[in-house]
C-alpha atoms as a PDB file:
ATOM      1  CA  UNK A   1     -14.862  -1.405 -10.275  1.00  0.00           C
ATOM      2  CA  UNK A   2     -14.794  -5.091 -11.148  1.00  0.00           C
ATOM      3  CA  UNK A   3     -13.249  -5.767 -14.531  1.00  0.00           C
ATOM      4  CA  UNK A   4     -11.662  -8.952 -15.875  1.00  0.00           C
ATOM      5  CA  UNK A   5     -11.888 -10.588 -12.447  1.00  0.00           C
ATOM      6  CA  UNK A   6     -10.024  -7.859 -10.545  1.00  0.00           C
ATOM      7  CA  UNK A   7     -11.644  -5.576  -7.954  1.00  0.00           C
ATOM      8  CA  UNK A   8     -10.244  -2.053  -8.008  1.00  0.00           C
ATOM      9  CA  UNK A   9     -11.450   0.444  -5.437  1.00  0.00           C
ATOM     10  CA  UNK A  10     -12.535   3.804  -6.788  1.00  0.00           C
ATOM     11  CA  UNK A  11     -11.798   5.844  -3.705  1.00  0.00           C
ATOM     12  CA  UNK A  12     -13.350   6.494  -0.316  1.00  0.00           C
ATOM     13  CA  UNK A  13     -13.650   9.264   2.251  1.00  0.00           C
ATOM     14  CA  UNK A  14     -10.079   8.825   3.431  1.00  0.00           C
ATOM     15  CA  UNK A  15      -8.050   8.558   0.226  1.00  0.00           C
ATOM     16  CA  UNK A  16     -10.384  10.606  -1.968  1.00  0.00           C
ATOM     17  CA  UNK A  17     -11.103   9.937  -5.631  1.00  0.00           C
ATOM     18  CA  UNK A  18      -8.168   7.563  -6.018  1.00  0.00           C
ATOM     19  CA  UNK A  19      -7.971   4.050  -7.456  1.00  0.00           C
ATOM     20  CA  UNK A  20      -6.894   1.435  -4.932  1.00  0.00           C
ATOM     21  CA  UNK A  21      -5.975  -2.243  -4.946  1.00  0.00           C
ATOM     22  CA  UNK A  22      -6.158  -4.488  -1.885  1.00  0.00           C
ATOM     23  CA  UNK A  23      -5.580  -8.046  -0.710  1.00  0.00           C
ATOM     24  CA  UNK A  24      -6.799  -9.932   2.368  1.00  0.00           C
ATOM     25  CA  UNK A  25      -5.080  -8.573   5.473  1.00  0.00           C
ATOM     26  CA  UNK A  26      -3.011 -10.900   7.674  1.00  0.00           C
ATOM     27  CA  UNK A  27      -3.067 -13.652   5.022  1.00  0.00           C
ATOM     28  CA  UNK A  28      -0.843 -11.590   2.700  1.00  0.00           C
ATOM     29  CA  UNK A  29       1.234  -9.752   5.308  1.00  0.00           C
ATOM     30  CA  UNK A  30       4.485 -11.694   5.804  1.00  0.00           C
ATOM     31  CA  UNK A  31       6.216  -8.787   7.557  1.00  0.00           C
ATOM     32  CA  UNK A  32       3.466  -8.069  10.068  1.00  0.00           C
ATOM     33  CA  UNK A  33       4.508  -7.969  13.706  1.00  0.00           C
ATOM     34  CA  UNK A  34       2.417  -9.279  16.587  1.00  0.00           C
ATOM     35  CA  UNK A  35       1.568  -5.652  17.409  1.00  0.00           C
ATOM     36  CA  UNK A  36       0.422  -5.058  13.838  1.00  0.00           C
ATOM     37  CA  UNK A  37      -1.803  -8.124  13.789  1.00  0.00           C
ATOM     38  CA  UNK A  38      -3.412  -7.065  17.062  1.00  0.00           C
ATOM     39  CA  UNK A  39      -4.156  -3.500  15.910  1.00  0.00           C
ATOM     40  CA  UNK A  40      -4.889  -4.121  12.210  1.00  0.00           C
ATOM     41  CA  UNK A  41      -7.647  -1.724  11.140  1.00  0.00           C
ATOM     42  CA  UNK A  42      -7.972  -3.427   7.740  1.00  0.00           C
ATOM     43  CA  UNK A  43      -8.752  -6.775   9.367  1.00  0.00           C
ATOM     44  CA  UNK A  44     -11.515  -5.172  11.451  1.00  0.00           C
ATOM     45  CA  UNK A  45     -12.876  -3.461   8.346  1.00  0.00           C
ATOM     46  CA  UNK A  46     -12.951  -6.683   6.343  1.00  0.00           C
ATOM     47  CA  UNK A  47     -14.762  -8.559   9.102  1.00  0.00           C
ATOM     48  CA  UNK A  48     -17.603  -6.023   9.024  1.00  0.00           C
ATOM     49  CA  UNK A  49     -17.781  -5.721   5.229  1.00  0.00           C
ATOM     50  CA  UNK A  50     -18.145  -9.186   3.674  1.00  0.00           C
ATOM     51  CA  UNK A  51     -18.340  -7.736   0.153  1.00  0.00           C
ATOM     52  CA  UNK A  52     -14.881  -6.183   0.573  1.00  0.00           C
ATOM     53  CA  UNK A  53     -13.569  -9.422   2.011  1.00  0.00           C
ATOM     54  CA  UNK A  54     -14.785 -11.328  -1.037  1.00  0.00           C
ATOM     55  CA  UNK A  55     -13.312  -8.744  -3.410  1.00  0.00           C
ATOM     56  CA  UNK A  56      -9.924  -8.927  -1.690  1.00  0.00           C
ATOM     57  CA  UNK A  57     -10.026 -12.719  -1.856  1.00  0.00           C
ATOM     58  CA  UNK A  58     -10.658 -12.569  -5.624  1.00  0.00           C
ATOM     59  CA  UNK A  59      -7.711 -10.207  -5.967  1.00  0.00           C
ATOM     60  CA  UNK A  60      -5.573 -12.654  -3.982  1.00  0.00           C
ATOM     61  CA  UNK A  61      -6.356 -15.482  -6.386  1.00  0.00           C
ATOM     62  CA  UNK A  62      -5.327 -13.265  -9.300  1.00  0.00           C
ATOM     63  CA  UNK A  63      -2.194 -11.977  -7.551  1.00  0.00           C
ATOM     64  CA  UNK A  64      -0.881 -15.523  -7.138  1.00  0.00           C
ATOM     65  CA  UNK A  65      -0.517 -15.669 -10.952  1.00  0.00           C
ATOM     66  CA  UNK A  66       1.904 -12.763 -11.620  1.00  0.00           C
ATOM     67  CA  UNK A  67       1.816 -12.872 -15.435  1.00  0.00           C
ATOM     68  CA  UNK A  68      -1.973 -12.871 -15.471  1.00  0.00           C
ATOM     69  CA  UNK A  69      -1.993 -10.165 -12.798  1.00  0.00           C
ATOM     70  CA  UNK A  70       0.092  -7.815 -14.927  1.00  0.00           C
ATOM     71  CA  UNK A  71      -1.981  -8.535 -18.033  1.00  0.00           C
ATOM     72  CA  UNK A  72      -5.301  -7.925 -16.309  1.00  0.00           C
ATOM     73  CA  UNK A  73      -4.207  -4.917 -14.280  1.00  0.00           C
ATOM     74  CA  UNK A  74      -2.803  -3.132 -17.316  1.00  0.00           C
ATOM     75  CA  UNK A  75      -6.047  -3.877 -19.154  1.00  0.00           C
ATOM     76  CA  UNK A  76      -8.372  -2.830 -16.324  1.00  0.00           C
ATOM     77  CA  UNK A  77      -6.728   0.361 -15.087  1.00  0.00           C
ATOM     78  CA  UNK A  78      -7.480   3.592 -16.954  1.00  0.00           C
ATOM     79  CA  UNK A  79      -4.587   4.856 -19.026  1.00  0.00           C
ATOM     80  CA  UNK A  80      -4.797   8.286 -17.436  1.00  0.00           C
ATOM     81  CA  UNK A  81      -4.976   8.360 -13.651  1.00  0.00           C
ATOM     82  CA  UNK A  82      -3.041  10.789 -11.450  1.00  0.00           C
ATOM     83  CA  UNK A  83      -2.291   8.390  -8.600  1.00  0.00           C
ATOM     84  CA  UNK A  84      -3.029   4.967  -7.154  1.00  0.00           C
ATOM     85  CA  UNK A  85      -2.807   3.560  -3.640  1.00  0.00           C
ATOM     86  CA  UNK A  86      -1.503  -0.002  -3.461  1.00  0.00           C
ATOM     87  CA  UNK A  87      -2.875  -1.995  -0.520  1.00  0.00           C
ATOM     88  CA  UNK A  88      -5.485  -0.299   1.591  1.00  0.00           C
ATOM     89  CA  UNK A  89      -5.450  -3.841   2.980  1.00  0.00           C
ATOM     90  CA  UNK A  90      -2.850  -6.550   2.529  1.00  0.00           C
ATOM     91  CA  UNK A  91       0.817  -6.282   1.633  1.00  0.00           C
ATOM     92  CA  UNK A  92       3.517  -7.420  -0.773  1.00  0.00           C
ATOM     93  CA  UNK A  93       3.361 -11.164  -0.204  1.00  0.00           C
ATOM     94  CA  UNK A  94       6.027 -12.652  -2.496  1.00  0.00           C
ATOM     95  CA  UNK A  95       8.960 -11.820  -4.742  1.00  0.00           C
ATOM     96  CA  UNK A  96       6.948 -12.590  -7.880  1.00  0.00           C
ATOM     97  CA  UNK A  97       4.120 -10.345  -6.716  1.00  0.00           C
ATOM     98  CA  UNK A  98       6.478  -7.416  -6.062  1.00  0.00           C
ATOM     99  CA  UNK A  99       7.974  -7.893  -9.507  1.00  0.00           C
ATOM    100  CA  UNK A 100       4.478  -7.869 -11.009  1.00  0.00           C
ATOM    101  CA  UNK A 101       3.851  -4.460  -9.436  1.00  0.00           C
ATOM    102  CA  UNK A 102       7.157  -3.230 -10.859  1.00  0.00           C
ATOM    103  CA  UNK A 103       5.827  -4.093 -14.313  1.00  0.00           C
ATOM    104  CA  UNK A 104       2.476  -2.402 -13.643  1.00  0.00           C
ATOM    105  CA  UNK A 105       4.171   0.778 -12.405  1.00  0.00           C
ATOM    106  CA  UNK A 106       6.427   0.857 -15.457  1.00  0.00           C
ATOM    107  CA  UNK A 107       3.350   0.550 -17.681  1.00  0.00           C
ATOM    108  CA  UNK A 108       1.904   3.727 -16.104  1.00  0.00           C
ATOM    109  CA  UNK A 109       4.846   6.163 -15.941  1.00  0.00           C
ATOM    110  CA  UNK A 110       2.526   9.164 -15.646  1.00  0.00           C
ATOM    111  CA  UNK A 111       0.807   7.787 -12.503  1.00  0.00           C
ATOM    112  CA  UNK A 112       2.055   8.332  -8.947  1.00  0.00           C
ATOM    113  CA  UNK A 113       1.824   5.071  -6.989  1.00  0.00           C
ATOM    114  CA  UNK A 114       2.216   4.860  -3.228  1.00  0.00           C
ATOM    115  CA  UNK A 115       2.149   2.132  -0.593  1.00  0.00           C
ATOM    116  CA  UNK A 116       3.090   1.345   2.993  1.00  0.00           C
ATOM    117  CA  UNK A 117       4.721  -2.014   3.626  1.00  0.00           C
ATOM    118  CA  UNK A 118       6.103  -4.110   6.449  1.00  0.00           C
ATOM    119  CA  UNK A 119       7.329  -6.696   3.971  1.00  0.00           C
ATOM    120  CA  UNK A 120      10.694  -4.899   3.858  1.00  0.00           C
ATOM    121  CA  UNK A 121      11.299  -6.782   7.131  1.00  0.00           C
ATOM    122  CA  UNK A 122      11.283 -10.126   5.248  1.00  0.00           C
ATOM    123  CA  UNK A 123      14.810 -10.755   3.973  1.00  0.00           C
ATOM    124  CA  UNK A 124      13.858 -12.278   0.600  1.00  0.00           C
ATOM    125  CA  UNK A 125      11.461  -9.411  -0.170  1.00  0.00           C
ATOM    126  CA  UNK A 126      13.796  -6.523   0.618  1.00  0.00           C
ATOM    127  CA  UNK A 127      15.748  -6.542  -2.659  1.00  0.00           C
ATOM    128  CA  UNK A 128      12.702  -6.547  -4.999  1.00  0.00           C
ATOM    129  CA  UNK A 129      11.039  -3.938  -2.788  1.00  0.00           C
ATOM    130  CA  UNK A 130      14.152  -1.781  -3.131  1.00  0.00           C
ATOM    131  CA  UNK A 131      13.748  -1.982  -6.917  1.00  0.00           C
ATOM    132  CA  UNK A 132      10.077  -1.063  -6.622  1.00  0.00           C
ATOM    133  CA  UNK A 133      10.910   1.814  -4.265  1.00  0.00           C
ATOM    134  CA  UNK A 134      13.434   3.277  -6.694  1.00  0.00           C
ATOM    135  CA  UNK A 135      11.003   3.581  -9.594  1.00  0.00           C
ATOM    136  CA  UNK A 136      10.509   7.283 -10.411  1.00  0.00           C
ATOM    137  CA  UNK A 137       6.729   7.076 -10.028  1.00  0.00           C
ATOM    138  CA  UNK A 138       6.610   5.072  -6.766  1.00  0.00           C
ATOM    139  CA  UNK A 139       6.626   6.309  -3.178  1.00  0.00           C
ATOM    140  CA  UNK A 140       7.105   3.306  -0.895  1.00  0.00           C
ATOM    141  CA  UNK A 141       7.135   3.667   2.883  1.00  0.00           C
ATOM    142  CA  UNK A 142       8.651   1.229   5.322  1.00  0.00           C
ATOM    143  CA  UNK A 143       5.823   0.850   7.813  1.00  0.00           C
ATOM    144  CA  UNK A 144       6.815   0.114  11.413  1.00  0.00           C
ATOM    145  CA  UNK A 145       5.497   0.008  14.957  1.00  0.00           C
ATOM    146  CA  UNK A 146       7.384   0.338  18.264  1.00  0.00           C
ATOM    147  CA  UNK A 147       8.288  -3.365  18.277  1.00  0.00           C
ATOM    148  CA  UNK A 148      10.077  -3.255  14.897  1.00  0.00           C
ATOM    149  CA  UNK A 149      13.487  -1.997  13.762  1.00  0.00           C
ATOM    150  CA  UNK A 150      13.814   0.941  11.410  1.00  0.00           C
ATOM    151  CA  UNK A 151      13.853   0.172   7.677  1.00  0.00           C
ATOM    152  CA  UNK A 152      17.101   0.555   5.731  1.00  0.00           C
ATOM    153  CA  UNK A 153      18.603   3.988   5.202  1.00  0.00           C
ATOM    154  CA  UNK A 154      16.976   5.909   2.372  1.00  0.00           C
ATOM    155  CA  UNK A 155      13.451   4.647   2.979  1.00  0.00           C
ATOM    156  CA  UNK A 156      10.591   6.932   3.844  1.00  0.00           C
ATOM    157  CA  UNK A 157       9.095   5.684   7.100  1.00  0.00           C
ATOM    158  CA  UNK A 158       5.478   5.417   8.217  1.00  0.00           C
ATOM    159  CA  UNK A 159       5.542   5.651  12.008  1.00  0.00           C
ATOM    160  CA  UNK A 160       2.840   5.125  14.617  1.00  0.00           C
ATOM    161  CA  UNK A 161       2.509   8.179  16.862  1.00  0.00           C
ATOM    162  CA  UNK A 162       3.230   6.152  20.030  1.00  0.00           C
ATOM    163  CA  UNK A 163       6.685   5.230  18.696  1.00  0.00           C
ATOM    164  CA  UNK A 164       9.328   7.321  20.516  1.00  0.00           C
ATOM    165  CA  UNK A 165      11.442   7.307  17.322  1.00  0.00           C
ATOM    166  CA  UNK A 166       8.687   8.957  15.271  1.00  0.00           C
ATOM    167  CA  UNK A 167       9.918  11.816  13.086  1.00  0.00           C
ATOM    168  CA  UNK A 168       7.916  13.390  10.282  1.00  0.00           C
ATOM    169  CA  UNK A 169       4.578  15.066   9.798  1.00  0.00           C
ATOM    170  CA  UNK A 170       1.336  13.872  11.328  1.00  0.00           C
ATOM    171  CA  UNK A 171      -1.046  12.534   8.689  1.00  0.00           C
ATOM    172  CA  UNK A 172      -2.974  15.611   7.583  1.00  0.00           C
ATOM    173  CA  UNK A 173      -6.053  13.562   6.722  1.00  0.00           C
ATOM    174  CA  UNK A 174      -6.181  12.118  10.234  1.00  0.00           C
ATOM    175  CA  UNK A 175      -5.687  15.546  11.802  1.00  0.00           C
ATOM    176  CA  UNK A 176      -8.393  17.025   9.529  1.00  0.00           C
ATOM    177  CA  UNK A 177      -6.011  19.519   7.902  1.00  0.00           C
ATOM    178  CA  UNK A 178      -6.984  17.977   4.559  1.00  0.00           C
ATOM    179  CA  UNK A 179     -10.182  16.090   3.699  1.00  0.00           C
ATOM    180  CA  UNK A 180      -8.390  13.233   1.918  1.00  0.00           C
ATOM    181  CA  UNK A 181      -5.043  11.813   0.832  1.00  0.00           C
ATOM    182  CA  UNK A 182      -5.654  13.132  -2.664  1.00  0.00           C
ATOM    183  CA  UNK A 183      -6.162  16.679  -1.381  1.00  0.00           C
ATOM    184  CA  UNK A 184      -2.997  16.459   0.737  1.00  0.00           C
ATOM    185  CA  UNK A 185      -0.685  14.676  -1.702  1.00  0.00           C
ATOM    186  CA  UNK A 186       2.189  14.439   0.786  1.00  0.00           C
ATOM    187  CA  UNK A 187       2.638  10.669   0.694  1.00  0.00           C
ATOM    188  CA  UNK A 188       2.790  10.382  -3.085  1.00  0.00           C
ATOM    189  CA  UNK A 189       4.880  13.511  -3.564  1.00  0.00           C
ATOM    190  CA  UNK A 190       8.440  12.647  -4.579  1.00  0.00           C
ATOM    191  CA  UNK A 191      11.263  13.289  -2.106  1.00  0.00           C
ATOM    192  CA  UNK A 192       8.974  14.182   0.787  1.00  0.00           C
ATOM    193  CA  UNK A 193       9.677  12.920   4.302  1.00  0.00           C
ATOM    194  CA  UNK A 194       8.260  10.505   6.822  1.00  0.00           C
ATOM    195  CA  UNK A 195       4.655  10.354   7.997  1.00  0.00           C
ATOM    196  CA  UNK A 196       3.211   9.664  11.442  1.00  0.00           C
ATOM    197  CA  UNK A 197      -0.158   7.957  11.819  1.00  0.00           C
ATOM    198  CA  UNK A 198      -2.479   7.758  14.781  1.00  0.00           C
ATOM    199  CA  UNK A 199      -3.364   4.239  15.896  1.00  0.00           C
ATOM    200  CA  UNK A 200      -6.692   3.527  14.228  1.00  0.00           C
END
């Protein structure tokens, strides 16, 4: 869906019939580790799908203007949607951008938002991400790999299965226990635990 200059994904085989919003990987990932950059599935995906790459680049231009971002997102998104995945690709790139998402989430109190981020590992982004994480309709995971520290206490954690610290459930979409994220619902269910992903 491309409305008002923003490209909003309308689902895929993995997430199901769920709206998504993405940015260019690597370019918008200030908390990415060397390991993450080497294994980034989103970067590989973008390289093979130029149309997605262009859409994410358009979103990036919009996201650099937080006031306009909030205005357009709240005009483009349907008023009734059960859930939304933030960042199939990309990450929370700045304080102003995190605060823009706080405003969007507040505008859709009936929608469950969820995201995985390594930006918690950037000192200036941690405090606004904490405020985003504490919204009643947001499930925000601190994403890590074996080369990174654990996120602060209280965060849900998205582990990689090769991490010896990994505790939680294996992603049920990856293990084929559910056909999609929407069918599973674990990651956007309030007060659930950590998740473990296979390297992909």
